[in-house]
C-alpha atoms as a PDB file:
ATOM      1  CA  UNK A   1     -11.788  71.342 -42.027  1.00  0.00           C
ATOM      2  CA  UNK A   2      -8.819  69.262 -41.158  1.00  0.00           C
ATOM      3  CA  UNK A   3      -5.490  70.906 -41.950  1.00  0.00           C
ATOM      4  CA  UNK A   4      -3.857  67.675 -43.196  1.00  0.00           C
ATOM      5  CA  UNK A   5      -6.476  67.430 -45.944  1.00  0.00           C
ATOM      6  CA  UNK A   6      -5.920  71.001 -47.068  1.00  0.00           C
ATOM      7  CA  UNK A   7      -2.153  70.475 -47.083  1.00  0.00           C
ATOM      8  CA  UNK A   8      -2.429  67.324 -49.202  1.00  0.00           C
ATOM      9  CA  UNK A   9       0.369  66.850 -51.705  1.00  0.00           C
ATOM     10  CA  UNK A  10       0.942  64.499 -54.595  1.00  0.00           C
ATOM     11  CA  UNK A  11      -1.346  63.450 -57.411  1.00  0.00           C
ATOM     12  CA  UNK A  12      -4.526  64.010 -55.369  1.00  0.00           C
ATOM     13  CA  UNK A  13      -3.621  67.540 -54.229  1.00  0.00           C
ATOM     14  CA  UNK A  14      -6.096  70.232 -55.302  1.00  0.00           C
ATOM     15  CA  UNK A  15      -4.793  72.839 -57.763  1.00  0.00           C
ATOM     16  CA  UNK A  16      -3.237  75.867 -56.107  1.00  0.00           C
ATOM     17  CA  UNK A  17      -1.842  79.207 -57.163  1.00  0.00           C
ATOM     18  CA  UNK A  18       0.382  81.042 -54.695  1.00  0.00           C
ATOM     19  CA  UNK A  19      -0.763  78.594 -52.019  1.00  0.00           C
ATOM     20  CA  UNK A  20      -4.473  79.287 -52.559  1.00  0.00           C
ATOM     21  CA  UNK A  21      -6.965  76.753 -53.908  1.00  0.00           C
ATOM     22  CA  UNK A  22      -7.902  77.429 -57.534  1.00  0.00           C
ATOM     23  CA  UNK A  23     -11.426  76.989 -58.898  1.00  0.00           C
ATOM     24  CA  UNK A  24     -12.215  77.802 -62.522  1.00  0.00           C
ATOM     25  CA  UNK A  25     -15.999  77.515 -62.167  1.00  0.00           C
ATOM     26  CA  UNK A  26     -18.537  77.773 -59.331  1.00  0.00           C
ATOM     27  CA  UNK A  27     -19.418  74.064 -59.533  1.00  0.00           C
ATOM     28  CA  UNK A  28     -15.805  73.179 -58.708  1.00  0.00           C
ATOM     29  CA  UNK A  29     -15.908  75.211 -55.496  1.00  0.00           C
ATOM     30  CA  UNK A  30     -19.243  73.583 -54.637  1.00  0.00           C
ATOM     31  CA  UNK A  31     -18.082  69.994 -55.173  1.00  0.00           C
ATOM     32  CA  UNK A  32     -14.933  70.707 -53.146  1.00  0.00           C
ATOM     33  CA  UNK A  33     -16.957  72.293 -50.320  1.00  0.00           C
ATOM     34  CA  UNK A  34     -19.512  69.489 -50.342  1.00  0.00           C
ATOM     35  CA  UNK A  35     -16.761  66.893 -50.112  1.00  0.00           C
ATOM     36  CA  UNK A  36     -15.062  68.622 -47.208  1.00  0.00           C
ATOM     37  CA  UNK A  37     -18.412  69.087 -45.406  1.00  0.00           C
ATOM     38  CA  UNK A  38     -19.133  65.362 -45.790  1.00  0.00           C
ATOM     39  CA  UNK A  39     -15.655  64.535 -44.448  1.00  0.00           C
ATOM     40  CA  UNK A  40     -16.111  66.908 -41.495  1.00  0.00           C
ATOM     41  CA  UNK A  41     -19.542  65.397 -40.747  1.00  0.00           C
ATOM     42  CA  UNK A  42     -18.076  61.883 -40.710  1.00  0.00           C
ATOM     43  CA  UNK A  43     -20.213  60.807 -43.679  1.00  0.00           C
ATOM     44  CA  UNK A  44     -17.252  60.412 -46.020  1.00  0.00           C
ATOM     45  CA  UNK A  45     -13.921  58.776 -45.232  1.00  0.00           C
ATOM     46  CA  UNK A  46     -11.258  61.046 -46.728  1.00  0.00           C
ATOM     47  CA  UNK A  47      -8.659  58.321 -47.265  1.00  0.00           C
ATOM     48  CA  UNK A  48     -11.133  56.220 -49.260  1.00  0.00           C
ATOM     49  CA  UNK A  49     -12.100  59.299 -51.253  1.00  0.00           C
ATOM     50  CA  UNK A  50      -8.433  60.145 -51.865  1.00  0.00           C
ATOM     51  CA  UNK A  51      -7.749  56.619 -53.165  1.00  0.00           C
ATOM     52  CA  UNK A  52     -10.725  56.938 -55.532  1.00  0.00           C
ATOM     53  CA  UNK A  53      -9.493  60.358 -56.672  1.00  0.00           C
ATOM     54  CA  UNK A  54      -6.039  58.971 -57.439  1.00  0.00           C
ATOM     55  CA  UNK A  55      -7.660  56.101 -59.344  1.00  0.00           C
ATOM     56  CA  UNK A  56      -9.779  58.562 -61.374  1.00  0.00           C
ATOM     57  CA  UNK A  57      -6.744  60.696 -62.217  1.00  0.00           C
ATOM     58  CA  UNK A  58      -4.748  57.609 -63.208  1.00  0.00           C
ATOM     59  CA  UNK A  59      -7.644  56.354 -65.352  1.00  0.00           C
ATOM     60  CA  UNK A  60      -7.781  59.702 -67.160  1.00  0.00           C
ATOM     61  CA  UNK A  61      -4.013  59.635 -67.726  1.00  0.00           C
ATOM     62  CA  UNK A  62      -4.157  56.070 -69.087  1.00  0.00           C
ATOM     63  CA  UNK A  63      -7.145  56.782 -71.322  1.00  0.00           C
ATOM     64  CA  UNK A  64      -4.935  58.397 -73.939  1.00  0.00           C
ATOM     65  CA  UNK A  65      -8.018  59.980 -75.489  1.00  0.00           C
ATOM     66  CA  UNK A  66      -6.907  62.644 -77.967  1.00  0.00           C
ATOM     67  CA  UNK A  67      -8.614  65.899 -77.208  1.00  0.00           C
ATOM     68  CA  UNK A  68      -9.860  64.690 -73.825  1.00  0.00           C
ATOM     69  CA  UNK A  69      -9.830  67.852 -71.785  1.00  0.00           C
ATOM     70  CA  UNK A  70      -8.132  67.526 -68.413  1.00  0.00           C
ATOM     71  CA  UNK A  71     -10.319  68.505 -65.483  1.00  0.00           C
ATOM     72  CA  UNK A  72      -9.088  67.845 -61.970  1.00  0.00           C
ATOM     73  CA  UNK A  73     -12.529  68.577 -60.545  1.00  0.00           C
ATOM     74  CA  UNK A  74     -14.304  66.212 -62.969  1.00  0.00           C
ATOM     75  CA  UNK A  75     -12.046  63.501 -61.549  1.00  0.00           C
ATOM     76  CA  UNK A  76     -12.844  64.843 -58.062  1.00  0.00           C
ATOM     77  CA  UNK A  77     -16.592  64.696 -58.739  1.00  0.00           C
ATOM     78  CA  UNK A  78     -16.420  61.115 -60.066  1.00  0.00           C
ATOM     79  CA  UNK A  79     -14.305  60.114 -57.049  1.00  0.00           C
ATOM     80  CA  UNK A  80     -16.876  61.684 -54.707  1.00  0.00           C
ATOM     81  CA  UNK A  81     -19.720  59.809 -56.386  1.00  0.00           C
ATOM     82  CA  UNK A  82     -17.922  56.465 -56.284  1.00  0.00           C
ATOM     83  CA  UNK A  83     -16.867  57.038 -52.668  1.00  0.00           C
ATOM     84  CA  UNK A  84     -20.417  57.789 -51.574  1.00  0.00           C
ATOM     85  CA  UNK A  85     -21.634  54.622 -53.294  1.00  0.00           C
ATOM     86  CA  UNK A  86     -18.735  52.569 -51.847  1.00  0.00           C
ATOM     87  CA  UNK A  87     -19.554  53.842 -48.352  1.00  0.00           C
ATOM     88  CA  UNK A  88     -23.297  53.180 -48.799  1.00  0.00           C
ATOM     89  CA  UNK A  89     -24.169  56.858 -48.317  1.00  0.00           C
ATOM     90  CA  UNK A  90     -26.207  56.773 -51.537  1.00  0.00           C
ATOM     91  CA  UNK A  91     -27.051  54.149 -54.147  1.00  0.00           C
ATOM     92  CA  UNK A  92     -25.766  54.335 -57.709  1.00  0.00           C
ATOM     93  CA  UNK A  93     -29.390  54.330 -58.884  1.00  0.00           C
ATOM     94  CA  UNK A  94     -30.169  57.395 -56.773  1.00  0.00           C
ATOM     95  CA  UNK A  95     -27.061  59.165 -58.112  1.00  0.00           C
ATOM     96  CA  UNK A  96     -28.113  58.446 -61.705  1.00  0.00           C
ATOM     97  CA  UNK A  97     -31.674  59.618 -61.031  1.00  0.00           C
ATOM     98  CA  UNK A  98     -30.503  62.883 -59.482  1.00  0.00           C
ATOM     99  CA  UNK A  99     -27.952  63.492 -62.243  1.00  0.00           C
ATOM    100  CA  UNK A 100     -30.633  63.062 -64.913  1.00  0.00           C
ATOM    101  CA  UNK A 101     -32.970  65.404 -63.043  1.00  0.00           C
ATOM    102  CA  UNK A 102     -30.249  68.050 -62.736  1.00  0.00           C
ATOM    103  CA  UNK A 103     -29.170  67.662 -66.371  1.00  0.00           C
ATOM    104  CA  UNK A 104     -32.778  68.244 -67.510  1.00  0.00           C
ATOM    105  CA  UNK A 105     -32.934  71.707 -65.908  1.00  0.00           C
ATOM    106  CA  UNK A 106     -32.625  74.761 -68.150  1.00  0.00           C
ATOM    107  CA  UNK A 107     -29.145  76.250 -68.444  1.00  0.00           C
ATOM    108  CA  UNK A 108     -28.434  78.894 -65.812  1.00  0.00           C
ATOM    109  CA  UNK A 109     -30.726  77.425 -63.183  1.00  0.00           C
ATOM    110  CA  UNK A 110     -28.142  75.618 -61.110  1.00  0.00           C
ATOM    111  CA  UNK A 111     -29.007  77.226 -57.767  1.00  0.00           C
ATOM    112  CA  UNK A 112     -32.518  75.849 -57.283  1.00  0.00           C
END
């Protein structure tokens, strides 16, 4: 994984504690790892993804929704989805279909 990505600073920088990446749930680690694997494989352009991530964070900040829980990795996930669609790696229809299929699975079965 490229060191400049891991050392990213600013609004798009992943949360850290004592210099280590922080993940509050397994899905966050997975979406981060998937993104970095796609970047390393040349499937995803990191700069385009980073711009989408910044846009997602800014959109959340501007939303002003009372009670809207902040989640860096929800913004990350939405940025990944939009980046993959922007870069023609997957269609928005396919993303929606897969999301519905995953959402229909029973709770606790997220590894199959």
